[in-house]
mmCIF file of all heavy atoms, coordinates in Angstrom:
data_MODEL
# 
_entry.id   MODEL 
# 
loop_
_atom_site.group_PDB 
_atom_site.id 
_atom_site.type_symbol 
_atom_site.label_atom_id 
_atom_site.label_alt_id 
_atom_site.label_comp_id 
_atom_site.label_asym_id 
_atom_site.label_entity_id 
_atom_site.label_seq_id 
_atom_site.pdbx_PDB_ins_code 
_atom_site.Cartn_x 
_atom_site.Cartn_y 
_atom_site.Cartn_z 
_atom_site.occupancy 
_atom_site.B_iso_or_equiv 
_atom_site.pdbx_formal_charge 
_atom_site.auth_seq_id 
_atom_site.auth_comp_id 
_atom_site.auth_asym_id 
_atom_site.auth_atom_id 
_atom_site.pdbx_PDB_model_num 
ATOM 1   N N   . LEU A 1 1  ? 58.285 52.702 39.307 1.00 0.00 ? 1  LEU A N   1 
ATOM 2   C CA  . LEU A 1 1  ? 57.304 53.758 39.489 1.00 0.00 ? 1  LEU A CA  1 
ATOM 3   C C   . LEU A 1 1  ? 57.957 55.041 39.835 1.00 0.00 ? 1  LEU A C   1 
ATOM 4   O O   . LEU A 1 1  ? 57.572 56.166 39.250 1.00 0.00 ? 1  LEU A O   1 
ATOM 5   C CB  . LEU A 1 1  ? 56.246 53.339 40.518 1.00 0.00 ? 1  LEU A CB  1 
ATOM 6   C CG  . LEU A 1 1  ? 55.289 52.253 40.129 1.00 0.00 ? 1  LEU A CG  1 
ATOM 7   C CD1 . LEU A 1 1  ? 54.460 51.923 41.356 1.00 0.00 ? 1  LEU A CD1 1 
ATOM 8   C CD2 . LEU A 1 1  ? 54.355 52.695 38.968 1.00 0.00 ? 1  LEU A CD2 1 
ATOM 9   N N   . ASP A 1 2  ? 59.007 54.984 40.682 1.00 0.00 ? 2  ASP A N   1 
ATOM 10  C CA  . ASP A 1 2  ? 59.598 56.240 41.177 1.00 0.00 ? 2  ASP A CA  1 
ATOM 11  C C   . ASP A 1 2  ? 60.374 56.875 40.024 1.00 0.00 ? 2  ASP A C   1 
ATOM 12  O O   . ASP A 1 2  ? 60.279 58.108 39.795 1.00 0.00 ? 2  ASP A O   1 
ATOM 13  C CB  . ASP A 1 2  ? 60.633 55.814 42.288 1.00 0.00 ? 2  ASP A CB  1 
ATOM 14  C CG  . ASP A 1 2  ? 60.038 56.253 43.622 1.00 0.00 ? 2  ASP A CG  1 
ATOM 15  O OD1 . ASP A 1 2  ? 59.007 56.740 43.720 1.00 0.00 ? 2  ASP A OD1 1 
ATOM 16  O OD2 . ASP A 1 2  ? 60.830 55.937 44.644 1.00 0.00 ? 2  ASP A OD2 1 
ATOM 17  N N   . PHE A 1 3  ? 61.139 56.087 39.223 1.00 0.00 ? 3  PHE A N   1 
ATOM 18  C CA  . PHE A 1 3  ? 61.863 56.704 38.112 1.00 0.00 ? 3  PHE A CA  1 
ATOM 19  C C   . PHE A 1 3  ? 60.984 56.981 36.942 1.00 0.00 ? 3  PHE A C   1 
ATOM 20  O O   . PHE A 1 3  ? 61.220 57.905 36.186 1.00 0.00 ? 3  PHE A O   1 
ATOM 21  C CB  . PHE A 1 3  ? 62.999 55.787 37.694 1.00 0.00 ? 3  PHE A CB  1 
ATOM 22  C CG  . PHE A 1 3  ? 64.206 55.755 38.575 1.00 0.00 ? 3  PHE A CG  1 
ATOM 23  C CD1 . PHE A 1 3  ? 64.383 54.763 39.468 1.00 0.00 ? 3  PHE A CD1 1 
ATOM 24  C CD2 . PHE A 1 3  ? 65.134 56.756 38.465 1.00 0.00 ? 3  PHE A CD2 1 
ATOM 25  C CE1 . PHE A 1 3  ? 65.511 54.752 40.380 1.00 0.00 ? 3  PHE A CE1 1 
ATOM 26  C CE2 . PHE A 1 3  ? 66.237 56.849 39.348 1.00 0.00 ? 3  PHE A CE2 1 
ATOM 27  C CZ  . PHE A 1 3  ? 66.403 55.840 40.304 1.00 0.00 ? 3  PHE A CZ  1 
ATOM 28  N N   . GLY A 1 4  ? 59.946 56.280 36.834 1.00 0.00 ? 4  GLY A N   1 
ATOM 29  C CA  . GLY A 1 4  ? 58.982 56.525 35.722 1.00 0.00 ? 4  GLY A CA  1 
ATOM 30  C C   . GLY A 1 4  ? 58.236 57.857 35.877 1.00 0.00 ? 4  GLY A C   1 
ATOM 31  O O   . GLY A 1 4  ? 58.116 58.718 34.949 1.00 0.00 ? 4  GLY A O   1 
ATOM 32  N N   . TYR A 1 5  ? 57.798 58.060 37.120 1.00 0.00 ? 5  TYR A N   1 
ATOM 33  C CA  . TYR A 1 5  ? 57.043 59.300 37.430 1.00 0.00 ? 5  TYR A CA  1 
ATOM 34  C C   . TYR A 1 5  ? 57.967 60.511 37.729 1.00 0.00 ? 5  TYR A C   1 
ATOM 35  O O   . TYR A 1 5  ? 57.586 61.694 37.551 1.00 0.00 ? 5  TYR A O   1 
ATOM 36  C CB  . TYR A 1 5  ? 56.035 59.068 38.539 1.00 0.00 ? 5  TYR A CB  1 
ATOM 37  C CG  . TYR A 1 5  ? 54.805 58.411 38.158 1.00 0.00 ? 5  TYR A CG  1 
ATOM 38  C CD1 . TYR A 1 5  ? 54.593 57.008 38.263 1.00 0.00 ? 5  TYR A CD1 1 
ATOM 39  C CD2 . TYR A 1 5  ? 53.670 59.140 37.572 1.00 0.00 ? 5  TYR A CD2 1 
ATOM 40  C CE1 . TYR A 1 5  ? 53.499 56.332 37.924 1.00 0.00 ? 5  TYR A CE1 1 
ATOM 41  C CE2 . TYR A 1 5  ? 52.457 58.421 37.239 1.00 0.00 ? 5  TYR A CE2 1 
ATOM 42  C CZ  . TYR A 1 5  ? 52.402 57.153 37.388 1.00 0.00 ? 5  TYR A CZ  1 
ATOM 43  O OH  . TYR A 1 5  ? 51.255 56.426 36.969 1.00 0.00 ? 5  TYR A OH  1 
ATOM 44  N N   . GLY A 1 6  ? 59.020 60.115 38.332 1.00 0.00 ? 6  GLY A N   1 
ATOM 45  C CA  . GLY A 1 6  ? 59.959 61.177 38.788 1.00 0.00 ? 6  GLY A CA  1 
ATOM 46  C C   . GLY A 1 6  ? 59.485 61.912 40.064 1.00 0.00 ? 6  GLY A C   1 
ATOM 47  O O   . GLY A 1 6  ? 58.324 61.650 40.447 1.00 0.00 ? 6  GLY A O   1 
ATOM 48  N N   . THR A 1 7  ? 60.330 62.778 40.541 1.00 0.00 ? 7  THR A N   1 
ATOM 49  C CA  . THR A 1 7  ? 59.899 63.477 41.738 1.00 0.00 ? 7  THR A CA  1 
ATOM 50  C C   . THR A 1 7  ? 59.536 64.909 41.313 1.00 0.00 ? 7  THR A C   1 
ATOM 51  O O   . THR A 1 7  ? 60.288 65.584 40.719 1.00 0.00 ? 7  THR A O   1 
ATOM 52  C CB  . THR A 1 7  ? 61.116 63.595 42.773 1.00 0.00 ? 7  THR A CB  1 
ATOM 53  O OG1 . THR A 1 7  ? 61.560 62.322 43.106 1.00 0.00 ? 7  THR A OG1 1 
ATOM 54  C CG2 . THR A 1 7  ? 60.694 64.439 43.987 1.00 0.00 ? 7  THR A CG2 1 
ATOM 55  N N   . PRO A 1 8  ? 58.245 65.273 41.563 1.00 0.00 ? 8  PRO A N   1 
ATOM 56  C CA  . PRO A 1 8  ? 57.745 66.526 41.077 1.00 0.00 ? 8  PRO A CA  1 
ATOM 57  C C   . PRO A 1 8  ? 58.590 67.724 41.725 1.00 0.00 ? 8  PRO A C   1 
ATOM 58  O O   . PRO A 1 8  ? 58.921 67.642 42.928 1.00 0.00 ? 8  PRO A O   1 
ATOM 59  C CB  . PRO A 1 8  ? 56.267 66.569 41.436 1.00 0.00 ? 8  PRO A CB  1 
ATOM 60  C CG  . PRO A 1 8  ? 56.158 65.643 42.546 1.00 0.00 ? 8  PRO A CG  1 
ATOM 61  C CD  . PRO A 1 8  ? 57.246 64.539 42.312 1.00 0.00 ? 8  PRO A CD  1 
ATOM 62  N N   . ALA A 1 9  ? 58.837 68.741 40.929 1.00 0.00 ? 9  ALA A N   1 
ATOM 63  C CA  . ALA A 1 9  ? 59.610 69.861 41.506 1.00 0.00 ? 9  ALA A CA  1 
ATOM 64  C C   . ALA A 1 9  ? 58.663 70.607 42.473 1.00 0.00 ? 9  ALA A C   1 
ATOM 65  O O   . ALA A 1 9  ? 57.472 70.494 42.416 1.00 0.00 ? 9  ALA A O   1 
ATOM 66  C CB  . ALA A 1 9  ? 60.067 70.787 40.369 1.00 0.00 ? 9  ALA A CB  1 
ATOM 67  N N   . CYS A 1 10 ? 59.238 71.335 43.388 1.00 0.00 ? 10 CYS A N   1 
ATOM 68  C CA  . CYS A 1 10 ? 58.519 72.172 44.329 1.00 0.00 ? 10 CYS A CA  1 
ATOM 69  C C   . CYS A 1 10 ? 57.606 73.088 43.660 1.00 0.00 ? 10 CYS A C   1 
ATOM 70  O O   . CYS A 1 10 ? 57.899 73.812 42.661 1.00 0.00 ? 10 CYS A O   1 
ATOM 71  C CB  . CYS A 1 10 ? 59.419 72.914 45.246 1.00 0.00 ? 10 CYS A CB  1 
ATOM 72  S SG  . CYS A 1 10 ? 58.576 73.802 46.571 1.00 0.00 ? 10 CYS A SG  1 
ATOM 73  N N   . GLY A 1 11 ? 56.277 72.976 44.017 1.00 0.00 ? 11 GLY A N   1 
ATOM 74  C CA  . GLY A 1 11 ? 55.271 73.815 43.379 1.00 0.00 ? 11 GLY A CA  1 
ATOM 75  C C   . GLY A 1 11 ? 54.493 73.240 42.270 1.00 0.00 ? 11 GLY A C   1 
ATOM 76  O O   . GLY A 1 11 ? 53.509 73.749 41.900 1.00 0.00 ? 11 GLY A O   1 
ATOM 77  N N   . ASP A 1 12 ? 55.031 72.140 41.678 1.00 0.00 ? 12 ASP A N   1 
ATOM 78  C CA  . ASP A 1 12 ? 54.353 71.408 40.667 1.00 0.00 ? 12 ASP A CA  1 
ATOM 79  C C   . ASP A 1 12 ? 53.308 70.435 41.211 1.00 0.00 ? 12 ASP A C   1 
ATOM 80  O O   . ASP A 1 12 ? 53.515 69.925 42.299 1.00 0.00 ? 12 ASP A O   1 
ATOM 81  C CB  . ASP A 1 12 ? 55.404 70.622 39.824 1.00 0.00 ? 12 ASP A CB  1 
ATOM 82  C CG  . ASP A 1 12 ? 56.269 71.537 38.917 1.00 0.00 ? 12 ASP A CG  1 
ATOM 83  O OD1 . ASP A 1 12 ? 56.039 72.711 38.941 1.00 0.00 ? 12 ASP A OD1 1 
ATOM 84  O OD2 . ASP A 1 12 ? 57.274 71.000 38.386 1.00 0.00 ? 12 ASP A OD2 1 
ATOM 85  N N   . PRO A 1 13 ? 52.244 70.146 40.541 1.00 0.00 ? 13 PRO A N   1 
ATOM 86  C CA  . PRO A 1 13 ? 51.193 69.221 41.001 1.00 0.00 ? 13 PRO A CA  1 
ATOM 87  C C   . PRO A 1 13 ? 51.893 67.799 40.976 1.00 0.00 ? 13 PRO A C   1 
ATOM 88  O O   . PRO A 1 13 ? 52.760 67.468 40.279 1.00 0.00 ? 13 PRO A O   1 
ATOM 89  C CB  . PRO A 1 13 ? 50.121 69.289 39.925 1.00 0.00 ? 13 PRO A CB  1 
ATOM 90  C CG  . PRO A 1 13 ? 50.835 69.840 38.681 1.00 0.00 ? 13 PRO A CG  1 
ATOM 91  C CD  . PRO A 1 13 ? 51.794 70.759 39.220 1.00 0.00 ? 13 PRO A CD  1 
ATOM 92  N N   . ASP A 1 14 ? 51.457 66.986 41.965 1.00 0.00 ? 14 ASP A N   1 
ATOM 93  C CA  . ASP A 1 14 ? 51.945 65.625 42.069 1.00 0.00 ? 14 ASP A CA  1 
ATOM 94  C C   . ASP A 1 14 ? 51.031 64.631 41.350 1.00 0.00 ? 14 ASP A C   1 
ATOM 95  O O   . ASP A 1 14 ? 49.991 64.212 41.906 1.00 0.00 ? 14 ASP A O   1 
ATOM 96  C CB  . ASP A 1 14 ? 52.063 65.265 43.596 1.00 0.00 ? 14 ASP A CB  1 
ATOM 97  C CG  . ASP A 1 14 ? 52.800 64.000 43.824 1.00 0.00 ? 14 ASP A CG  1 
ATOM 98  O OD1 . ASP A 1 14 ? 53.134 63.292 42.932 1.00 0.00 ? 14 ASP A OD1 1 
ATOM 99  O OD2 . ASP A 1 14 ? 53.287 63.778 44.960 1.00 0.00 ? 14 ASP A OD2 1 
ATOM 100 N N   . PRO A 1 15 ? 51.441 64.109 40.192 1.00 0.00 ? 15 PRO A N   1 
ATOM 101 C CA  . PRO A 1 15 ? 50.583 63.190 39.463 1.00 0.00 ? 15 PRO A CA  1 
ATOM 102 C C   . PRO A 1 15 ? 50.838 61.700 39.849 1.00 0.00 ? 15 PRO A C   1 
ATOM 103 O O   . PRO A 1 15 ? 50.207 60.781 39.235 1.00 0.00 ? 15 PRO A O   1 
ATOM 104 C CB  . PRO A 1 15 ? 51.107 63.393 37.996 1.00 0.00 ? 15 PRO A CB  1 
ATOM 105 C CG  . PRO A 1 15 ? 52.572 63.783 38.172 1.00 0.00 ? 15 PRO A CG  1 
ATOM 106 C CD  . PRO A 1 15 ? 52.647 64.427 39.544 1.00 0.00 ? 15 PRO A CD  1 
ATOM 107 N N   . ARG A 1 16 ? 51.634 61.400 40.772 1.00 0.00 ? 16 ARG A N   1 
ATOM 108 C CA  . ARG A 1 16 ? 51.910 60.075 41.192 1.00 0.00 ? 16 ARG A CA  1 
ATOM 109 C C   . ARG A 1 16 ? 50.814 59.359 41.800 1.00 0.00 ? 16 ARG A C   1 
ATOM 110 O O   . ARG A 1 16 ? 49.982 59.977 42.571 1.00 0.00 ? 16 ARG A O   1 
ATOM 111 C CB  . ARG A 1 16 ? 53.246 60.103 42.050 1.00 0.00 ? 16 ARG A CB  1 
ATOM 112 C CG  . ARG A 1 16 ? 54.505 60.644 41.406 1.00 0.00 ? 16 ARG A CG  1 
ATOM 113 C CD  . ARG A 1 16 ? 55.638 60.640 42.407 1.00 0.00 ? 16 ARG A CD  1 
ATOM 114 N NE  . ARG A 1 16 ? 55.313 61.532 43.606 1.00 0.00 ? 16 ARG A NE  1 
ATOM 115 C CZ  . ARG A 1 16 ? 56.116 61.627 44.638 1.00 0.00 ? 16 ARG A CZ  1 
ATOM 116 N NH1 . ARG A 1 16 ? 57.248 60.860 44.665 1.00 0.00 ? 16 ARG A NH1 1 
ATOM 117 N NH2 . ARG A 1 16 ? 55.799 62.341 45.645 1.00 0.00 ? 16 ARG A NH2 1 
ATOM 118 N N   . PRO A 1 17 ? 50.730 57.988 41.709 1.00 0.00 ? 17 PRO A N   1 
ATOM 119 C CA  . PRO A 1 17 ? 49.714 57.309 42.473 1.00 0.00 ? 17 PRO A CA  1 
ATOM 120 C C   . PRO A 1 17 ? 50.023 57.311 43.961 1.00 0.00 ? 17 PRO A C   1 
ATOM 121 O O   . PRO A 1 17 ? 51.073 57.651 44.396 1.00 0.00 ? 17 PRO A O   1 
ATOM 122 C CB  . PRO A 1 17 ? 49.886 55.855 41.912 1.00 0.00 ? 17 PRO A CB  1 
ATOM 123 C CG  . PRO A 1 17 ? 51.264 55.823 41.345 1.00 0.00 ? 17 PRO A CG  1 
ATOM 124 C CD  . PRO A 1 17 ? 51.547 57.194 40.809 1.00 0.00 ? 17 PRO A CD  1 
ATOM 125 N N   . PRO A 1 18 ? 48.931 57.041 44.719 1.00 0.00 ? 18 PRO A N   1 
ATOM 126 C CA  . PRO A 1 18 ? 49.153 57.133 46.201 1.00 0.00 ? 18 PRO A CA  1 
ATOM 127 C C   . PRO A 1 18 ? 50.253 56.311 46.702 1.00 0.00 ? 18 PRO A C   1 
ATOM 128 O O   . PRO A 1 18 ? 50.842 56.658 47.697 1.00 0.00 ? 18 PRO A O   1 
ATOM 129 C CB  . PRO A 1 18 ? 47.774 56.648 46.704 1.00 0.00 ? 18 PRO A CB  1 
ATOM 130 C CG  . PRO A 1 18 ? 46.774 56.929 45.622 1.00 0.00 ? 18 PRO A CG  1 
ATOM 131 C CD  . PRO A 1 18 ? 47.614 56.778 44.342 1.00 0.00 ? 18 PRO A CD  1 
ATOM 132 N N   . VAL A 1 19 ? 50.579 55.161 46.067 1.00 0.00 ? 19 VAL A N   1 
ATOM 133 C CA  . VAL A 1 19 ? 51.578 54.291 46.666 1.00 0.00 ? 19 VAL A CA  1 
ATOM 134 C C   . VAL A 1 19 ? 53.044 54.969 46.586 1.00 0.00 ? 19 VAL A C   1 
ATOM 135 O O   . VAL A 1 19 ? 53.843 54.631 47.365 1.00 0.00 ? 19 VAL A O   1 
ATOM 136 C CB  . VAL A 1 19 ? 51.731 52.963 45.805 1.00 0.00 ? 19 VAL A CB  1 
ATOM 137 C CG1 . VAL A 1 19 ? 52.293 53.250 44.480 1.00 0.00 ? 19 VAL A CG1 1 
ATOM 138 C CG2 . VAL A 1 19 ? 52.556 51.907 46.578 1.00 0.00 ? 19 VAL A CG2 1 
ATOM 139 N N   . LEU A 1 20 ? 53.145 55.986 45.737 1.00 0.00 ? 20 LEU A N   1 
ATOM 140 C CA  . LEU A 1 20 ? 54.270 56.759 45.703 1.00 0.00 ? 20 LEU A CA  1 
ATOM 141 C C   . LEU A 1 20 ? 54.150 58.118 46.502 1.00 0.00 ? 20 LEU A C   1 
ATOM 142 O O   . LEU A 1 20 ? 54.993 58.423 47.346 1.00 0.00 ? 20 LEU A O   1 
ATOM 143 C CB  . LEU A 1 20 ? 54.642 57.143 44.232 1.00 0.00 ? 20 LEU A CB  1 
ATOM 144 C CG  . LEU A 1 20 ? 55.124 55.977 43.351 1.00 0.00 ? 20 LEU A CG  1 
ATOM 145 C CD1 . LEU A 1 20 ? 55.513 56.572 41.952 1.00 0.00 ? 20 LEU A CD1 1 
ATOM 146 C CD2 . LEU A 1 20 ? 56.229 55.230 43.975 1.00 0.00 ? 20 LEU A CD2 1 
ATOM 147 N N   . ALA A 1 21 ? 53.083 58.742 46.325 1.00 0.00 ? 21 ALA A N   1 
ATOM 148 C CA  . ALA A 1 21 ? 52.919 60.088 46.921 1.00 0.00 ? 21 ALA A CA  1 
ATOM 149 C C   . ALA A 1 21 ? 52.642 60.045 48.438 1.00 0.00 ? 21 ALA A C   1 
ATOM 150 O O   . ALA A 1 21 ? 53.061 60.880 49.118 1.00 0.00 ? 21 ALA A O   1 
ATOM 151 C CB  . ALA A 1 21 ? 51.688 60.777 46.238 1.00 0.00 ? 21 ALA A CB  1 
ATOM 152 N N   . ARG A 1 22 ? 52.060 58.874 48.932 1.00 0.00 ? 22 ARG A N   1 
ATOM 153 C CA  . ARG A 1 22 ? 51.698 58.878 50.334 1.00 0.00 ? 22 ARG A CA  1 
ATOM 154 C C   . ARG A 1 22 ? 52.487 57.959 51.171 1.00 0.00 ? 22 ARG A C   1 
ATOM 155 O O   . ARG A 1 22 ? 52.411 57.901 52.352 1.00 0.00 ? 22 ARG A O   1 
ATOM 156 C CB  . ARG A 1 22 ? 50.241 58.553 50.422 1.00 0.00 ? 22 ARG A CB  1 
ATOM 157 C CG  . ARG A 1 22 ? 49.240 59.544 49.814 1.00 0.00 ? 22 ARG A CG  1 
ATOM 158 C CD  . ARG A 1 22 ? 47.844 59.262 49.965 1.00 0.00 ? 22 ARG A CD  1 
ATOM 159 N NE  . ARG A 1 22 ? 46.946 60.199 49.332 1.00 0.00 ? 22 ARG A NE  1 
ATOM 160 C CZ  . ARG A 1 22 ? 45.648 60.095 49.327 1.00 0.00 ? 22 ARG A CZ  1 
ATOM 161 N NH1 . ARG A 1 22 ? 44.999 59.040 49.898 1.00 0.00 ? 22 ARG A NH1 1 
ATOM 162 N NH2 . ARG A 1 22 ? 44.937 60.980 48.698 1.00 0.00 ? 22 ARG A NH2 1 
ATOM 163 N N   . VAL A 1 23 ? 53.270 57.023 50.519 1.00 0.00 ? 23 VAL A N   1 
ATOM 164 C CA  . VAL A 1 23 ? 54.034 55.989 51.266 1.00 0.00 ? 23 VAL A CA  1 
ATOM 165 C C   . VAL A 1 23 ? 55.541 56.456 51.046 1.00 0.00 ? 23 VAL A C   1 
ATOM 166 O O   . VAL A 1 23 ? 56.212 56.181 49.986 1.00 0.00 ? 23 VAL A O   1 
ATOM 167 C CB  . VAL A 1 23 ? 53.839 54.580 50.635 1.00 0.00 ? 23 VAL A CB  1 
ATOM 168 C CG1 . VAL A 1 23 ? 54.716 53.552 51.394 1.00 0.00 ? 23 VAL A CG1 1 
ATOM 169 C CG2 . VAL A 1 23 ? 52.336 54.234 50.739 1.00 0.00 ? 23 VAL A CG2 1 
ATOM 170 N N   . HIS A 1 24 ? 56.088 56.983 52.133 1.00 0.00 ? 24 HIS A N   1 
ATOM 171 C CA  . HIS A 1 24 ? 57.457 57.349 52.084 1.00 0.00 ? 24 HIS A CA  1 
ATOM 172 C C   . HIS A 1 24 ? 58.408 56.111 51.892 1.00 0.00 ? 24 HIS A C   1 
ATOM 173 O O   . HIS A 1 24 ? 57.955 54.994 52.249 1.00 0.00 ? 24 HIS A O   1 
ATOM 174 C CB  . HIS A 1 24 ? 57.790 58.084 53.429 1.00 0.00 ? 24 HIS A CB  1 
ATOM 175 C CG  . HIS A 1 24 ? 59.116 58.799 53.424 1.00 0.00 ? 24 HIS A CG  1 
ATOM 176 N ND1 . HIS A 1 24 ? 60.319 58.181 53.654 1.00 0.00 ? 24 HIS A ND1 1 
ATOM 177 C CD2 . HIS A 1 24 ? 59.420 60.146 53.204 1.00 0.00 ? 24 HIS A CD2 1 
ATOM 178 C CE1 . HIS A 1 24 ? 61.280 59.125 53.616 1.00 0.00 ? 24 HIS A CE1 1 
ATOM 179 N NE2 . HIS A 1 24 ? 60.716 60.290 53.363 1.00 0.00 ? 24 HIS A NE2 1 
ATOM 180 N N   . PHE A 1 25 ? 59.514 56.364 51.312 1.00 0.00 ? 25 PHE A N   1 
ATOM 181 C CA  . PHE A 1 25 ? 60.354 55.205 50.972 1.00 0.00 ? 25 PHE A CA  1 
ATOM 182 C C   . PHE A 1 25 ? 60.871 54.571 52.263 1.00 0.00 ? 25 PHE A C   1 
ATOM 183 O O   . PHE A 1 25 ? 61.127 53.347 52.283 1.00 0.00 ? 25 PHE A O   1 
ATOM 184 C CB  . PHE A 1 25 ? 61.556 55.642 50.087 1.00 0.00 ? 25 PHE A CB  1 
ATOM 185 C CG  . PHE A 1 25 ? 62.671 56.265 50.713 1.00 0.00 ? 25 PHE A CG  1 
ATOM 186 C CD1 . PHE A 1 25 ? 63.735 55.535 51.285 1.00 0.00 ? 25 PHE A CD1 1 
ATOM 187 C CD2 . PHE A 1 25 ? 62.793 57.639 50.835 1.00 0.00 ? 25 PHE A CD2 1 
ATOM 188 C CE1 . PHE A 1 25 ? 64.816 56.008 51.887 1.00 0.00 ? 25 PHE A CE1 1 
ATOM 189 C CE2 . PHE A 1 25 ? 63.864 58.219 51.457 1.00 0.00 ? 25 PHE A CE2 1 
ATOM 190 C CZ  . PHE A 1 25 ? 64.919 57.396 51.924 1.00 0.00 ? 25 PHE A CZ  1 
ATOM 191 N N   . LEU A 1 26 ? 60.978 55.248 53.352 1.00 0.00 ? 26 LEU A N   1 
ATOM 192 C CA  . LEU A 1 26 ? 61.337 54.639 54.655 1.00 0.00 ? 26 LEU A CA  1 
ATOM 193 C C   . LEU A 1 26 ? 60.200 53.664 55.173 1.00 0.00 ? 26 LEU A C   1 
ATOM 194 O O   . LEU A 1 26 ? 60.497 52.690 55.702 1.00 0.00 ? 26 LEU A O   1 
ATOM 195 C CB  . LEU A 1 26 ? 61.688 55.658 55.668 1.00 0.00 ? 26 LEU A CB  1 
ATOM 196 C CG  . LEU A 1 26 ? 63.027 56.364 55.412 1.00 0.00 ? 26 LEU A CG  1 
ATOM 197 C CD1 . LEU A 1 26 ? 63.250 57.507 56.524 1.00 0.00 ? 26 LEU A CD1 1 
ATOM 198 C CD2 . LEU A 1 26 ? 64.240 55.440 55.462 1.00 0.00 ? 26 LEU A CD2 1 
ATOM 199 N N   . HIS A 1 27 ? 59.043 54.197 54.960 1.00 0.00 ? 27 HIS A N   1 
ATOM 200 C CA  . HIS A 1 27 ? 57.863 53.280 55.338 1.00 0.00 ? 27 HIS A CA  1 
ATOM 201 C C   . HIS A 1 27 ? 57.822 52.098 54.440 1.00 0.00 ? 27 HIS A C   1 
ATOM 202 O O   . HIS A 1 27 ? 57.490 51.018 54.896 1.00 0.00 ? 27 HIS A O   1 
ATOM 203 C CB  . HIS A 1 27 ? 56.572 54.127 55.238 1.00 0.00 ? 27 HIS A CB  1 
ATOM 204 C CG  . HIS A 1 27 ? 56.352 55.092 56.329 1.00 0.00 ? 27 HIS A CG  1 
ATOM 205 N ND1 . HIS A 1 27 ? 55.533 56.198 56.271 1.00 0.00 ? 27 HIS A ND1 1 
ATOM 206 C CD2 . HIS A 1 27 ? 57.048 55.282 57.440 1.00 0.00 ? 27 HIS A CD2 1 
ATOM 207 C CE1 . HIS A 1 27 ? 55.634 56.968 57.316 1.00 0.00 ? 27 HIS A CE1 1 
ATOM 208 N NE2 . HIS A 1 27 ? 56.526 56.383 58.093 1.00 0.00 ? 27 HIS A NE2 1 
ATOM 209 N N   . PHE A 1 28 ? 58.060 52.248 53.184 1.00 0.00 ? 28 PHE A N   1 
ATOM 210 C CA  . PHE A 1 28 ? 58.098 51.215 52.214 1.00 0.00 ? 28 PHE A CA  1 
ATOM 211 C C   . PHE A 1 28 ? 59.169 50.174 52.636 1.00 0.00 ? 28 PHE A C   1 
ATOM 212 O O   . PHE A 1 28 ? 58.936 49.005 52.478 1.00 0.00 ? 28 PHE A O   1 
ATOM 213 C CB  . PHE A 1 28 ? 58.353 51.699 50.820 1.00 0.00 ? 28 PHE A CB  1 
ATOM 214 C CG  . PHE A 1 28 ? 58.623 50.629 49.834 1.00 0.00 ? 28 PHE A CG  1 
ATOM 215 C CD1 . PHE A 1 28 ? 57.538 49.960 49.255 1.00 0.00 ? 28 PHE A CD1 1 
ATOM 216 C CD2 . PHE A 1 28 ? 59.900 50.263 49.441 1.00 0.00 ? 28 PHE A CD2 1 
ATOM 217 C CE1 . PHE A 1 28 ? 57.711 48.981 48.276 1.00 0.00 ? 28 PHE A CE1 1 
ATOM 218 C CE2 . PHE A 1 28 ? 60.076 49.290 48.533 1.00 0.00 ? 28 PHE A CE2 1 
ATOM 219 C CZ  . PHE A 1 28 ? 58.979 48.586 47.945 1.00 0.00 ? 28 PHE A CZ  1 
ATOM 220 N N   . THR A 1 29 ? 60.345 50.738 53.101 1.00 0.00 ? 29 THR A N   1 
ATOM 221 C CA  . THR A 1 29 ? 61.383 49.788 53.576 1.00 0.00 ? 29 THR A CA  1 
ATOM 222 C C   . THR A 1 29 ? 60.922 48.945 54.684 1.00 0.00 ? 29 THR A C   1 
ATOM 223 O O   . THR A 1 29 ? 61.226 47.689 54.722 1.00 0.00 ? 29 THR A O   1 
ATOM 224 C CB  . THR A 1 29 ? 62.630 50.669 54.114 1.00 0.00 ? 29 THR A CB  1 
ATOM 225 O OG1 . THR A 1 29 ? 63.097 51.439 52.951 1.00 0.00 ? 29 THR A OG1 1 
ATOM 226 C CG2 . THR A 1 29 ? 63.650 49.766 54.671 1.00 0.00 ? 29 THR A CG2 1 
ATOM 227 N N   . VAL A 1 30 ? 60.209 49.448 55.662 1.00 0.00 ? 30 VAL A N   1 
ATOM 228 C CA  . VAL A 1 30 ? 59.706 48.580 56.746 1.00 0.00 ? 30 VAL A CA  1 
ATOM 229 C C   . VAL A 1 30 ? 58.598 47.608 56.305 1.00 0.00 ? 30 VAL A C   1 
ATOM 230 O O   . VAL A 1 30 ? 58.722 46.432 56.680 1.00 0.00 ? 30 VAL A O   1 
ATOM 231 C CB  . VAL A 1 30 ? 59.095 49.508 57.832 1.00 0.00 ? 30 VAL A CB  1 
ATOM 232 C CG1 . VAL A 1 30 ? 58.499 48.720 58.949 1.00 0.00 ? 30 VAL A CG1 1 
ATOM 233 C CG2 . VAL A 1 30 ? 60.102 50.575 58.369 1.00 0.00 ? 30 VAL A CG2 1 
ATOM 234 N N   . LEU A 1 31 ? 57.726 48.064 55.425 1.00 0.00 ? 31 LEU A N   1 
ATOM 235 C CA  . LEU A 1 31 ? 56.682 47.118 54.894 1.00 0.00 ? 31 LEU A CA  1 
ATOM 236 C C   . LEU A 1 31 ? 57.331 45.982 54.044 1.00 0.00 ? 31 LEU A C   1 
ATOM 237 O O   . LEU A 1 31 ? 56.962 44.857 54.235 1.00 0.00 ? 31 LEU A O   1 
ATOM 238 C CB  . LEU A 1 31 ? 55.639 47.922 54.058 1.00 0.00 ? 31 LEU A CB  1 
ATOM 239 C CG  . LEU A 1 31 ? 54.850 48.959 54.792 1.00 0.00 ? 31 LEU A CG  1 
ATOM 240 C CD1 . LEU A 1 31 ? 53.958 49.762 53.767 1.00 0.00 ? 31 LEU A CD1 1 
ATOM 241 C CD2 . LEU A 1 31 ? 53.929 48.282 55.751 1.00 0.00 ? 31 LEU A CD2 1 
ATOM 242 N N   . LEU A 1 32 ? 58.319 46.273 53.318 1.00 0.00 ? 32 LEU A N   1 
ATOM 243 C CA  . LEU A 1 32 ? 58.999 45.330 52.474 1.00 0.00 ? 32 LEU A CA  1 
ATOM 244 C C   . LEU A 1 32 ? 59.703 44.293 53.389 1.00 0.00 ? 32 LEU A C   1 
ATOM 245 O O   . LEU A 1 32 ? 59.755 43.126 53.156 1.00 0.00 ? 32 LEU A O   1 
ATOM 246 C CB  . LEU A 1 32 ? 59.959 45.969 51.502 1.00 0.00 ? 32 LEU A CB  1 
ATOM 247 C CG  . LEU A 1 32 ? 60.777 45.008 50.576 1.00 0.00 ? 32 LEU A CG  1 
ATOM 248 C CD1 . LEU A 1 32 ? 59.768 44.285 49.674 1.00 0.00 ? 32 LEU A CD1 1 
ATOM 249 C CD2 . LEU A 1 32 ? 61.668 45.869 49.688 1.00 0.00 ? 32 LEU A CD2 1 
# 
C-alpha cells in the first residue's frame, strides 16, 4: 500500500486510505 500509493508531496491532497494516512509506521511497528 505504501509503495502503491506513494507519499504525497507537500501541499498535495492525501488519497491514501486511513490505514496509511492515520497510522504512522512506528505505530504500525508496535501493533505488528
